[in-house]
Amino acid sequence: MVKGYLLIKLVPGLESDALSHIRSIPGVSEVNLVFGQWDAIATAEAKSLFELSRIIVREIRGIQGVQDTVTLVQGEL
């Protein structure tokens, strides 16, 4: 499994709807509202890096209210 941590910037006024949509996406296991440079942090898991990128690009980035994302992919030593 590949795990990614997504830093998400939201459009003001659309936060609640965007977060609800993100939470409903298969593969997204956790979504938390945060304060600071980013508005939310989500955790997503997939069988491969390709599948994880599909969740991010096709699902999360396509949600109205999602302005920007940065993905941190979990690594192992």
N, C-alpha and C. Protein backbone atom coordinates (compact mmCIF):
# COMPACT_ATOMS: atom_id res chain seq x y z
N MET A 1 0.84 -1.19 0.00
CA MET A 1 0.00 0.00 0.00
C MET A 1 0.88 1.25 0.00
N VAL A 2 0.39 2.27 -0.68
CA VAL A 2 1.06 3.56 -0.74
C VAL A 2 0.19 4.55 0.01
N LYS A 3 0.79 5.29 0.93
CA LYS A 3 0.04 6.27 1.72
C LYS A 3 0.52 7.66 1.36
N GLY A 4 -0.44 8.58 1.20
CA GLY A 4 -0.11 9.97 0.91
C GLY A 4 -0.80 10.89 1.89
N TYR A 5 -0.10 11.96 2.23
CA TYR A 5 -0.65 13.01 3.08
C TYR A 5 -0.86 14.23 2.18
N LEU A 6 -2.08 14.72 2.12
CA LEU A 6 -2.41 15.81 1.22
C LEU A 6 -2.65 17.09 1.99
N LEU A 7 -1.89 18.10 1.66
CA LEU A 7 -2.12 19.43 2.21
C LEU A 7 -3.06 20.12 1.23
N ILE A 8 -4.16 20.65 1.73
CA ILE A 8 -5.20 21.16 0.85
C ILE A 8 -5.54 22.60 1.20
N LYS A 9 -5.55 23.46 0.18
CA LYS A 9 -6.00 24.84 0.32
C LYS A 9 -7.40 24.92 -0.26
N LEU A 10 -8.32 25.51 0.51
CA LEU A 10 -9.72 25.58 0.12
C LEU A 10 -10.16 27.00 -0.21
N VAL A 11 -11.18 27.12 -1.04
CA VAL A 11 -11.76 28.41 -1.39
C VAL A 11 -12.63 28.87 -0.23
N PRO A 12 -12.43 30.08 0.27
CA PRO A 12 -13.26 30.58 1.37
C PRO A 12 -14.75 30.53 1.01
N GLY A 13 -15.53 30.03 1.95
CA GLY A 13 -16.97 29.90 1.76
C GLY A 13 -17.40 28.54 1.24
N LEU A 14 -16.47 27.77 0.69
CA LEU A 14 -16.79 26.45 0.14
C LEU A 14 -16.16 25.31 0.95
N GLU A 15 -15.60 25.65 2.10
CA GLU A 15 -14.85 24.67 2.89
C GLU A 15 -15.70 23.46 3.29
N SER A 16 -16.87 23.69 3.83
CA SER A 16 -17.69 22.61 4.35
C SER A 16 -18.07 21.61 3.26
N ASP A 17 -18.55 22.10 2.13
CA ASP A 17 -18.93 21.20 1.04
C ASP A 17 -17.73 20.44 0.50
N ALA A 18 -16.61 21.14 0.33
CA ALA A 18 -15.40 20.50 -0.19
C ALA A 18 -14.93 19.39 0.74
N LEU A 19 -14.91 19.66 2.04
CA LEU A 19 -14.46 18.66 3.00
C LEU A 19 -15.39 17.45 3.00
N SER A 20 -16.70 17.67 2.88
CA SER A 20 -17.65 16.56 2.82
C SER A 20 -17.40 15.69 1.60
N HIS A 21 -17.13 16.31 0.46
CA HIS A 21 -16.84 15.55 -0.75
C HIS A 21 -15.54 14.76 -0.61
N ILE A 22 -14.52 15.38 -0.05
CA ILE A 22 -13.23 14.69 0.12
C ILE A 22 -13.40 13.48 1.02
N ARG A 23 -14.15 13.64 2.11
CA ARG A 23 -14.36 12.53 3.06
C ARG A 23 -15.08 11.35 2.42
N SER A 24 -15.86 11.60 1.38
CA SER A 24 -16.64 10.52 0.75
C SER A 24 -15.87 9.75 -0.32
N ILE A 25 -14.66 10.16 -0.62
CA ILE A 25 -13.88 9.51 -1.68
C ILE A 25 -13.28 8.19 -1.17
N PRO A 26 -13.51 7.10 -1.88
CA PRO A 26 -12.88 5.83 -1.50
C PRO A 26 -11.35 5.96 -1.54
N GLY A 27 -10.71 5.49 -0.49
CA GLY A 27 -9.26 5.59 -0.40
C GLY A 27 -8.82 6.69 0.54
N VAL A 28 -9.70 7.66 0.79
CA VAL A 28 -9.39 8.73 1.75
C VAL A 28 -9.82 8.25 3.12
N SER A 29 -8.85 8.12 4.02
CA SER A 29 -9.14 7.55 5.33
C SER A 29 -9.35 8.58 6.42
N GLU A 30 -8.83 9.79 6.21
CA GLU A 30 -8.94 10.82 7.25
C GLU A 30 -8.84 12.20 6.61
N VAL A 31 -9.64 13.13 7.11
CA VAL A 31 -9.58 14.52 6.67
C VAL A 31 -9.72 15.39 7.91
N ASN A 32 -8.77 16.30 8.09
CA ASN A 32 -8.81 17.19 9.24
C ASN A 32 -8.66 18.64 8.81
N LEU A 33 -9.50 19.51 9.37
CA LEU A 33 -9.40 20.94 9.16
C LEU A 33 -8.25 21.45 10.01
N VAL A 34 -7.39 22.28 9.46
CA VAL A 34 -6.26 22.85 10.20
C VAL A 34 -6.21 24.35 9.94
N PHE A 35 -5.45 25.05 10.75
CA PHE A 35 -5.29 26.49 10.60
C PHE A 35 -3.84 26.79 10.30
N GLY A 36 -3.61 27.73 9.41
CA GLY A 36 -2.26 28.09 9.00
C GLY A 36 -2.22 28.27 7.51
N GLN A 37 -1.10 27.95 6.90
CA GLN A 37 -0.92 28.11 5.45
C GLN A 37 -1.88 27.20 4.67
N TRP A 38 -2.20 26.03 5.21
CA TRP A 38 -3.10 25.08 4.57
C TRP A 38 -4.38 25.01 5.37
N ASP A 39 -5.47 24.60 4.72
CA ASP A 39 -6.78 24.56 5.37
C ASP A 39 -7.18 23.17 5.84
N ALA A 40 -6.63 22.14 5.22
CA ALA A 40 -6.98 20.77 5.59
C ALA A 40 -5.82 19.84 5.28
N ILE A 41 -5.80 18.72 6.01
CA ILE A 41 -4.84 17.65 5.75
C ILE A 41 -5.65 16.37 5.61
N ALA A 42 -5.42 15.65 4.53
CA ALA A 42 -6.11 14.38 4.30
C ALA A 42 -5.09 13.26 4.17
N THR A 43 -5.50 12.07 4.54
CA THR A 43 -4.68 10.88 4.37
C THR A 43 -5.39 9.97 3.37
N ALA A 44 -4.65 9.52 2.37
CA ALA A 44 -5.22 8.62 1.36
C ALA A 44 -4.30 7.43 1.19
N GLU A 45 -4.90 6.28 0.91
CA GLU A 45 -4.14 5.05 0.68
C GLU A 45 -4.62 4.39 -0.61
N ALA A 46 -3.68 3.79 -1.32
CA ALA A 46 -3.99 3.07 -2.55
C ALA A 46 -3.00 1.93 -2.72
N LYS A 47 -3.32 1.03 -3.64
CA LYS A 47 -2.46 -0.12 -3.87
C LYS A 47 -1.15 0.24 -4.56
N SER A 48 -1.17 1.34 -5.33
CA SER A 48 0.04 1.75 -6.05
C SER A 48 0.12 3.27 -6.11
N LEU A 49 1.28 3.77 -6.47
CA LEU A 49 1.46 5.21 -6.63
C LEU A 49 0.55 5.73 -7.75
N PHE A 50 0.39 4.94 -8.79
CA PHE A 50 -0.50 5.32 -9.89
C PHE A 50 -1.93 5.50 -9.39
N GLU A 51 -2.43 4.56 -8.59
CA GLU A 51 -3.79 4.66 -8.07
C GLU A 51 -3.93 5.84 -7.11
N LEU A 52 -2.90 6.09 -6.31
CA LEU A 52 -2.93 7.25 -5.41
C LEU A 52 -3.00 8.54 -6.22
N SER A 53 -2.22 8.63 -7.27
CA SER A 53 -2.24 9.84 -8.09
C SER A 53 -3.60 10.03 -8.76
N ARG A 54 -4.27 8.96 -9.12
CA ARG A 54 -5.62 9.06 -9.71
C ARG A 54 -6.61 9.62 -8.70
N ILE A 55 -6.52 9.17 -7.45
CA ILE A 55 -7.40 9.71 -6.40
C ILE A 55 -7.19 11.21 -6.27
N ILE A 56 -5.94 11.62 -6.26
CA ILE A 56 -5.63 13.03 -6.06
C ILE A 56 -6.04 13.87 -7.26
N VAL A 57 -5.62 13.49 -8.44
CA VAL A 57 -5.84 14.30 -9.64
C VAL A 57 -7.29 14.24 -10.10
N ARG A 58 -7.85 13.06 -10.19
CA ARG A 58 -9.21 12.92 -10.75
C ARG A 58 -10.31 13.18 -9.75
N GLU A 59 -10.05 12.91 -8.48
CA GLU A 59 -11.10 13.05 -7.48
C GLU A 59 -10.96 14.35 -6.68
N ILE A 60 -9.89 14.46 -5.92
CA ILE A 60 -9.76 15.57 -4.98
C ILE A 60 -9.58 16.90 -5.69
N ARG A 61 -8.69 17.00 -6.64
CA ARG A 61 -8.46 18.27 -7.32
C ARG A 61 -9.65 18.73 -8.15
N GLY A 62 -10.56 17.82 -8.47
CA GLY A 62 -11.73 18.17 -9.26
C GLY A 62 -12.91 18.69 -8.44
N ILE A 63 -12.77 18.69 -7.13
CA ILE A 63 -13.86 19.13 -6.26
C ILE A 63 -13.93 20.65 -6.24
N GLN A 64 -15.15 21.17 -6.42
CA GLN A 64 -15.34 22.61 -6.33
C GLN A 64 -15.02 23.04 -4.90
N GLY A 65 -14.15 24.02 -4.77
CA GLY A 65 -13.73 24.49 -3.47
C GLY A 65 -12.30 24.12 -3.13
N VAL A 66 -11.72 23.16 -3.86
CA VAL A 66 -10.32 22.81 -3.68
C VAL A 66 -9.50 23.71 -4.59
N GLN A 67 -8.67 24.54 -3.97
CA GLN A 67 -7.89 25.53 -4.72
C GLN A 67 -6.50 25.02 -5.07
N ASP A 68 -5.86 24.29 -4.15
CA ASP A 68 -4.48 23.85 -4.35
C ASP A 68 -4.21 22.64 -3.46
N THR A 69 -3.29 21.79 -3.88
CA THR A 69 -2.88 20.65 -3.08
C THR A 69 -1.38 20.44 -3.17
N VAL A 70 -0.82 19.87 -2.15
CA VAL A 70 0.54 19.36 -2.15
C VAL A 70 0.46 17.97 -1.53
N THR A 71 1.10 17.00 -2.18
CA THR A 71 1.04 15.63 -1.70
C THR A 71 2.40 15.20 -1.18
N LEU A 72 2.40 14.62 0.00
CA LEU A 72 3.60 14.06 0.61
C LEU A 72 3.39 12.54 0.65
N VAL A 73 4.23 11.82 -0.07
CA VAL A 73 4.10 10.36 -0.14
C VAL A 73 4.96 9.75 0.95
N GLN A 74 4.35 8.85 1.71
CA GLN A 74 5.08 8.19 2.80
C GLN A 74 6.21 7.35 2.24
N GLY A 75 7.36 7.44 2.87
CA GLY A 75 8.51 6.65 2.46
C GLY A 75 8.94 5.72 3.58
N GLU A 76 9.77 4.77 3.23
CA GLU A 76 10.30 3.84 4.22
C GLU A 76 11.79 3.70 4.01
N LEU A 77 12.53 3.51 5.09
CA LEU A 77 13.98 3.32 5.03
C LEU A 77 14.32 1.87 5.29
